[in-house]
Amino acid sequence: MGEQRIPLEVKYRSRVTWDDTRGVRSFIEKSVYNAPFGIIVTETDEQAPEDPRLVSIPLSTLLLLR
C-alpha cells in the first residue's frame, strides 16, 4: 500500500498466544516498514491476543474476500 507494508502471518490453529504473534509484532515495531497494523490468519474466529495493532481473521473469511 504505497509506502506502508501490511504484514500477514498465518497461524492456522484454534488458539493463538502472545508468543505466536512475536514475528508480526516485531515487523510492526520496525519503523523502516511503516506498518500501521498486522493481520493474523487463524483457524477459527477467536481473537488474537490483546494488541490494538493486530487484526485476526479466520481463514474461511479471508478466502471469501476477492
PDB file of N, CA and C in Angstrom:
ATOM      1  N   MET A   1       0.850  -1.174   0.000  1.00  0.00           N
ATOM      2  CA  MET A   1       0.000   0.000   0.000  1.00  0.00           C
ATOM      3  C   MET A   1       0.894   1.234   0.000  1.00  0.00           C
ATOM      4  N   GLY A   2       1.375   1.627  -1.117  1.00  0.00           N
ATOM      5  CA  GLY A   2       2.213   2.811  -1.197  1.00  0.00           C
ATOM      6  C   GLY A   2       3.496   2.640  -0.413  1.00  0.00           C
ATOM      7  N   GLU A   3       3.710   3.485   0.559  1.00  0.00           N
ATOM      8  CA  GLU A   3       4.912   3.451   1.382  1.00  0.00           C
ATOM      9  C   GLU A   3       4.763   2.585   2.622  1.00  0.00           C
ATOM     10  N   GLN A   4       3.586   2.015   2.839  1.00  0.00           N
ATOM     11  CA  GLN A   4       3.339   1.194   4.024  1.00  0.00           C
ATOM     12  C   GLN A   4       3.342  -0.287   3.660  1.00  0.00           C
ATOM     13  N   ARG A   5       3.750  -1.097   4.617  1.00  0.00           N
ATOM     14  CA  ARG A   5       3.716  -2.545   4.467  1.00  0.00           C
ATOM     15  C   ARG A   5       2.731  -3.102   5.485  1.00  0.00           C
ATOM     16  N   ILE A   6       1.922  -4.049   5.084  1.00  0.00           N
ATOM     17  CA  ILE A   6       0.971  -4.689   5.979  1.00  0.00           C
ATOM     18  C   ILE A   6       1.406  -6.150   6.125  1.00  0.00           C
ATOM     19  N   PRO A   7       1.923  -6.526   7.293  1.00  0.00           N
ATOM     20  CA  PRO A   7       2.351  -7.922   7.471  1.00  0.00           C
ATOM     21  C   PRO A   7       1.150  -8.839   7.652  1.00  0.00           C
ATOM     22  N   LEU A   8       1.242 -10.023   7.062  1.00  0.00           N
ATOM     23  CA  LEU A   8       0.201 -11.027   7.170  1.00  0.00           C
ATOM     24  C   LEU A   8       0.881 -12.315   7.623  1.00  0.00           C
ATOM     25  N   GLU A   9       0.426 -12.860   8.737  1.00  0.00           N
ATOM     26  CA  GLU A   9       1.019 -14.082   9.269  1.00  0.00           C
ATOM     27  C   GLU A   9      -0.081 -15.117   9.441  1.00  0.00           C
ATOM     28  N   VAL A  10       0.173 -16.333   8.956  1.00  0.00           N
ATOM     29  CA  VAL A  10      -0.799 -17.411   9.057  1.00  0.00           C
ATOM     30  C   VAL A  10      -0.458 -18.264  10.275  1.00  0.00           C
ATOM     31  N   LYS A  11      -1.391 -18.341  11.195  1.00  0.00           N
ATOM     32  CA  LYS A  11      -1.288 -19.200  12.376  1.00  0.00           C
ATOM     33  C   LYS A  11      -2.541 -20.058  12.373  1.00  0.00           C
ATOM     34  N   TYR A  12      -2.543 -21.086  11.545  1.00  0.00           N
ATOM     35  CA  TYR A  12      -3.746 -21.903  11.382  1.00  0.00           C
ATOM     36  C   TYR A  12      -3.885 -22.868  12.551  1.00  0.00           C
ATOM     37  N   ARG A  13      -4.369 -22.327  13.636  1.00  0.00           N
ATOM     38  CA  ARG A  13      -4.678 -23.103  14.826  1.00  0.00           C
ATOM     39  C   ARG A  13      -5.834 -22.430  15.530  1.00  0.00           C
ATOM     40  N   SER A  14      -6.472 -23.165  16.412  1.00  0.00           N
ATOM     41  CA  SER A  14      -7.665 -22.613  17.055  1.00  0.00           C
ATOM     42  C   SER A  14      -7.335 -21.607  18.143  1.00  0.00           C
ATOM     43  N   ARG A  15      -6.153 -21.676  18.724  1.00  0.00           N
ATOM     44  CA  ARG A  15      -5.782 -20.747  19.789  1.00  0.00           C
ATOM     45  C   ARG A  15      -4.422 -20.129  19.480  1.00  0.00           C
ATOM     46  N   VAL A  16      -4.381 -18.813  19.411  1.00  0.00           N
ATOM     47  CA  VAL A  16      -3.140 -18.079  19.131  1.00  0.00           C
ATOM     48  C   VAL A  16      -2.730 -17.361  20.412  1.00  0.00           C
ATOM     49  N   THR A  17      -1.489 -17.581  20.837  1.00  0.00           N
ATOM     50  CA  THR A  17      -0.996 -16.965  22.066  1.00  0.00           C
ATOM     51  C   THR A  17      -0.163 -15.728  21.751  1.00  0.00           C
ATOM     52  N   TRP A  18       0.201 -15.010  22.801  1.00  0.00           N
ATOM     53  CA  TRP A  18       1.017 -13.806  22.668  1.00  0.00           C
ATOM     54  C   TRP A  18       2.362 -14.137  22.023  1.00  0.00           C
ATOM     55  N   ASP A  19       2.965 -15.257  22.402  1.00  0.00           N
ATOM     56  CA  ASP A  19       4.255 -15.656  21.827  1.00  0.00           C
ATOM     57  C   ASP A  19       4.145 -15.977  20.342  1.00  0.00           C
ATOM     58  N   ASP A  20       2.995 -16.465  19.903  1.00  0.00           N
ATOM     59  CA  ASP A  20       2.794 -16.787  18.489  1.00  0.00           C
ATOM     60  C   ASP A  20       2.822 -15.550  17.599  1.00  0.00           C
ATOM     61  N   THR A  21       2.540 -14.396  18.173  1.00  0.00           N
ATOM     62  CA  THR A  21       2.477 -13.162  17.375  1.00  0.00           C
ATOM     63  C   THR A  21       3.777 -12.363  17.431  1.00  0.00           C
ATOM     64  N   ARG A  22       4.809 -12.939  17.970  1.00  0.00           N
ATOM     65  CA  ARG A  22       6.082 -12.223  18.131  1.00  0.00           C
ATOM     66  C   ARG A  22       6.637 -11.708  16.796  1.00  0.00           C
ATOM     67  N   GLY A  23       6.561 -12.530  15.749  1.00  0.00           N
ATOM     68  CA  GLY A  23       7.113 -12.130  14.452  1.00  0.00           C
ATOM     69  C   GLY A  23       6.410 -10.930  13.846  1.00  0.00           C
ATOM     70  N   VAL A  24       5.093 -10.954  13.842  1.00  0.00           N
ATOM     71  CA  VAL A  24       4.341  -9.840  13.249  1.00  0.00           C
ATOM     72  C   VAL A  24       4.481  -8.580  14.105  1.00  0.00           C
ATOM     73  N   ARG A  25       4.530  -8.741  15.423  1.00  0.00           N
ATOM     74  CA  ARG A  25       4.725  -7.564  16.283  1.00  0.00           C
ATOM     75  C   ARG A  25       6.109  -6.952  16.063  1.00  0.00           C
ATOM     76  N   SER A  26       7.110  -7.786  15.873  1.00  0.00           N
ATOM     77  CA  SER A  26       8.461  -7.294  15.598  1.00  0.00           C
ATOM     78  C   SER A  26       8.496  -6.512  14.284  1.00  0.00           C
ATOM     79  N   PHE A  27       7.790  -7.009  13.271  1.00  0.00           N
ATOM     80  CA  PHE A  27       7.719  -6.338  11.974  1.00  0.00           C
ATOM     81  C   PHE A  27       7.075  -4.961  12.116  1.00  0.00           C
ATOM     82  N   ILE A  28       5.972  -4.889  12.862  1.00  0.00           N
ATOM     83  CA  ILE A  28       5.250  -3.629  13.041  1.00  0.00           C
ATOM     84  C   ILE A  28       6.111  -2.592  13.759  1.00  0.00           C
ATOM     85  N   GLU A  29       6.915  -3.041  14.716  1.00  0.00           N
ATOM     86  CA  GLU A  29       7.708  -2.121  15.528  1.00  0.00           C
ATOM     87  C   GLU A  29       8.895  -1.516  14.786  1.00  0.00           C
ATOM     88  N   LYS A  30       9.292  -2.090  13.656  1.00  0.00           N
ATOM     89  CA  LYS A  30      10.407  -1.541  12.875  1.00  0.00           C
ATOM     90  C   LYS A  30       9.904  -0.375  12.027  1.00  0.00           C
ATOM     91  N   SER A  31      10.457   0.784  12.260  1.00  0.00           N
ATOM     92  CA  SER A  31       9.976   1.996  11.594  1.00  0.00           C
ATOM     93  C   SER A  31      10.229   1.988  10.088  1.00  0.00           C
ATOM     94  N   VAL A  32      11.191   1.237   9.625  1.00  0.00           N
ATOM     95  CA  VAL A  32      11.502   1.208   8.200  1.00  0.00           C
ATOM     96  C   VAL A  32      10.338   0.642   7.378  1.00  0.00           C
ATOM     97  N   TYR A  33       9.525  -0.233   7.951  1.00  0.00           N
ATOM     98  CA  TYR A  33       8.389  -0.822   7.246  1.00  0.00           C
ATOM     99  C   TYR A  33       7.150   0.051   7.279  1.00  0.00           C
ATOM    100  N   ASN A  34       7.043   0.949   8.240  1.00  0.00           N
ATOM    101  CA  ASN A  34       5.910   1.870   8.344  1.00  0.00           C
ATOM    102  C   ASN A  34       4.574   1.117   8.333  1.00  0.00           C
ATOM    103  N   ALA A  35       4.504   0.038   9.123  1.00  0.00           N
ATOM    104  CA  ALA A  35       3.298  -0.800   9.164  1.00  0.00           C
ATOM    105  C   ALA A  35       2.342  -0.313  10.251  1.00  0.00           C
ATOM    106  N   PRO A  36       1.144   0.127   9.890  1.00  0.00           N
ATOM    107  CA  PRO A  36       0.197   0.615  10.887  1.00  0.00           C
ATOM    108  C   PRO A  36      -0.478  -0.506  11.672  1.00  0.00           C
ATOM    109  N   PHE A  37      -0.587  -1.708  11.080  1.00  0.00           N
ATOM    110  CA  PHE A  37      -1.210  -2.847  11.757  1.00  0.00           C
ATOM    111  C   PHE A  37      -0.744  -4.130  11.081  1.00  0.00           C
ATOM    112  N   GLY A  38      -1.072  -5.263  11.686  1.00  0.00           N
ATOM    113  CA  GLY A  38      -0.727  -6.560  11.126  1.00  0.00           C
ATOM    114  C   GLY A  38      -1.945  -7.463  11.128  1.00  0.00           C
ATOM    115  N   ILE A  39      -1.953  -8.436  10.238  1.00  0.00           N
ATOM    116  CA  ILE A  39      -3.079  -9.358  10.108  1.00  0.00           C
ATOM    117  C   ILE A  39      -2.612 -10.759  10.487  1.00  0.00           C
ATOM    118  N   ILE A  40      -3.385 -11.414  11.365  1.00  0.00           N
ATOM    119  CA  ILE A  40      -3.126 -12.792  11.762  1.00  0.00           C
ATOM    120  C   ILE A  40      -4.264 -13.647  11.221  1.00  0.00           C
ATOM    121  N   VAL A  41      -3.936 -14.638  10.395  1.00  0.00           N
ATOM    122  CA  VAL A  41      -4.938 -15.545   9.849  1.00  0.00           C
ATOM    123  C   VAL A  41      -5.007 -16.762  10.773  1.00  0.00           C
ATOM    124  N   THR A  42      -6.208 -17.041  11.293  1.00  0.00           N
ATOM    125  CA  THR A  42      -6.393 -18.125  12.257  1.00  0.00           C
ATOM    126  C   THR A  42      -7.359 -19.181  11.722  1.00  0.00           C
ATOM    127  N   GLU A  43      -7.489 -20.274  12.460  1.00  0.00           N
ATOM    128  CA  GLU A  43      -8.400 -21.347  12.065  1.00  0.00           C
ATOM    129  C   GLU A  43      -9.852 -20.998  12.375  1.00  0.00           C
ATOM    130  N   THR A  44     -10.081 -20.393  13.537  1.00  0.00           N
ATOM    131  CA  THR A  44     -11.438 -20.041  13.954  1.00  0.00           C
ATOM    132  C   THR A  44     -11.541 -18.532  14.117  1.00  0.00           C
ATOM    133  N   ASP A  45     -12.690 -18.069  14.564  1.00  0.00           N
ATOM    134  CA  ASP A  45     -12.884 -16.629  14.725  1.00  0.00           C
ATOM    135  C   ASP A  45     -12.466 -16.123  16.101  1.00  0.00           C
ATOM    136  N   GLU A  46     -11.704 -16.921  16.841  1.00  0.00           N
ATOM    137  CA  GLU A  46     -11.195 -16.463  18.132  1.00  0.00           C
ATOM    138  C   GLU A  46     -10.190 -15.331  17.909  1.00  0.00           C
ATOM    139  N   GLN A  47     -10.292 -14.294  18.721  1.00  0.00           N
ATOM    140  CA  GLN A  47      -9.436 -13.131  18.564  1.00  0.00           C
ATOM    141  C   GLN A  47      -7.999 -13.424  18.999  1.00  0.00           C
ATOM    142  N   ALA A  48      -7.067 -12.775  18.342  1.00  0.00           N
ATOM    143  CA  ALA A  48      -5.649 -12.867  18.715  1.00  0.00           C
ATOM    144  C   ALA A  48      -5.452 -12.154  20.047  1.00  0.00           C
ATOM    145  N   PRO A  49      -4.309 -12.350  20.683  1.00  0.00           N
ATOM    146  CA  PRO A  49      -4.040 -11.668  21.961  1.00  0.00           C
ATOM    147  C   PRO A  49      -4.236 -10.159  21.854  1.00  0.00           C
ATOM    148  N   GLU A  50      -4.581  -9.576  22.982  1.00  0.00           N
ATOM    149  CA  GLU A  50      -4.890  -8.143  23.041  1.00  0.00           C
ATOM    150  C   GLU A  50      -3.717  -7.287  22.582  1.00  0.00           C
ATOM    151  N   ASP A  51      -3.839  -6.717  21.428  1.00  0.00           N
ATOM    152  CA  ASP A  51      -2.902  -5.741  20.891  1.00  0.00           C
ATOM    153  C   ASP A  51      -3.686  -4.972  19.837  1.00  0.00           C
ATOM    154  N   PRO A  52      -3.860  -3.685  20.016  1.00  0.00           N
ATOM    155  CA  PRO A  52      -4.685  -2.931  19.061  1.00  0.00           C
ATOM    156  C   PRO A  52      -4.102  -2.890  17.652  1.00  0.00           C
ATOM    157  N   ARG A  53      -2.833  -3.245  17.495  1.00  0.00           N
ATOM    158  CA  ARG A  53      -2.201  -3.231  16.174  1.00  0.00           C
ATOM    159  C   ARG A  53      -2.425  -4.518  15.399  1.00  0.00           C
ATOM    160  N   LEU A  54      -3.014  -5.537  16.038  1.00  0.00           N
ATOM    161  CA  LEU A  54      -3.221  -6.827  15.393  1.00  0.00           C
ATOM    162  C   LEU A  54      -4.697  -7.054  15.084  1.00  0.00           C
ATOM    163  N   VAL A  55      -4.954  -7.522  13.880  1.00  0.00           N
ATOM    164  CA  VAL A  55      -6.301  -7.864  13.448  1.00  0.00           C
ATOM    165  C   VAL A  55      -6.283  -9.352  13.125  1.00  0.00           C
ATOM    166  N   SER A  56      -7.170 -10.109  13.753  1.00  0.00           N
ATOM    167  CA  SER A  56      -7.237 -11.537  13.435  1.00  0.00           C
ATOM    168  C   SER A  56      -8.448 -11.797  12.554  1.00  0.00           C
ATOM    169  N   ILE A  57      -8.259 -12.713  11.608  1.00  0.00           N
ATOM    170  CA  ILE A  57      -9.315 -13.049  10.670  1.00  0.00           C
ATOM    171  C   ILE A  57      -9.251 -14.554  10.415  1.00  0.00           C
ATOM    172  N   PRO A  58     -10.397 -15.239  10.455  1.00  0.00           N
ATOM    173  CA  PRO A  58     -10.386 -16.675  10.160  1.00  0.00           C
ATOM    174  C   PRO A  58     -10.071 -16.927   8.684  1.00  0.00           C
ATOM    175  N   LEU A  59      -9.426 -18.045   8.418  1.00  0.00           N
ATOM    176  CA  LEU A  59      -9.072 -18.383   7.042  1.00  0.00           C
ATOM    177  C   LEU A  59     -10.299 -18.446   6.146  1.00  0.00           C
ATOM    178  N   SER A  60     -11.397 -18.984   6.656  1.00  0.00           N
ATOM    179  CA  SER A  60     -12.615 -19.095   5.839  1.00  0.00           C
ATOM    180  C   SER A  60     -13.101 -17.730   5.372  1.00  0.00           C
ATOM    181  N   THR A  61     -13.001 -16.722   6.210  1.00  0.00           N
ATOM    182  CA  THR A  61     -13.411 -15.358   5.837  1.00  0.00           C
ATOM    183  C   THR A  61     -12.436 -14.766   4.827  1.00  0.00           C
ATOM    184  N   LEU A  62     -11.153 -14.996   5.044  1.00  0.00           N
ATOM    185  CA  LEU A  62     -10.136 -14.482   4.114  1.00  0.00           C
ATOM    186  C   LEU A  62     -10.339 -15.056   2.714  1.00  0.00           C
ATOM    187  N   LEU A  63     -10.684 -16.329   2.629  1.00  0.00           N
ATOM    188  CA  LEU A  63     -10.892 -16.950   1.325  1.00  0.00           C
ATOM    189  C   LEU A  63     -12.139 -16.436   0.609  1.00  0.00           C
ATOM    190  N   LEU A  64     -13.098 -15.883   1.366  1.00  0.00           N
ATOM    191  CA  LEU A  64     -14.297 -15.317   0.750  1.00  0.00           C
ATOM    192  C   LEU A  64     -14.049 -13.937   0.159  1.00  0.00           C
ATOM    193  N   LEU A  65     -12.990 -13.260   0.598  1.00  0.00           N
ATOM    194  CA  LEU A  65     -12.680 -11.924   0.073  1.00  0.00           C
ATOM    195  C   LEU A  65     -12.135 -12.029  -1.335  1.00  0.00           C
ATOM    196  N   ARG A  66     -12.459 -11.100  -2.137  1.00  0.00           N
ATOM    197  CA  ARG A  66     -11.946 -11.072  -3.507  1.00  0.00           C
ATOM    198  C   ARG A  66     -11.447  -9.713  -3.840  1.00  0.00           C
TER     199      ARG A  66
END
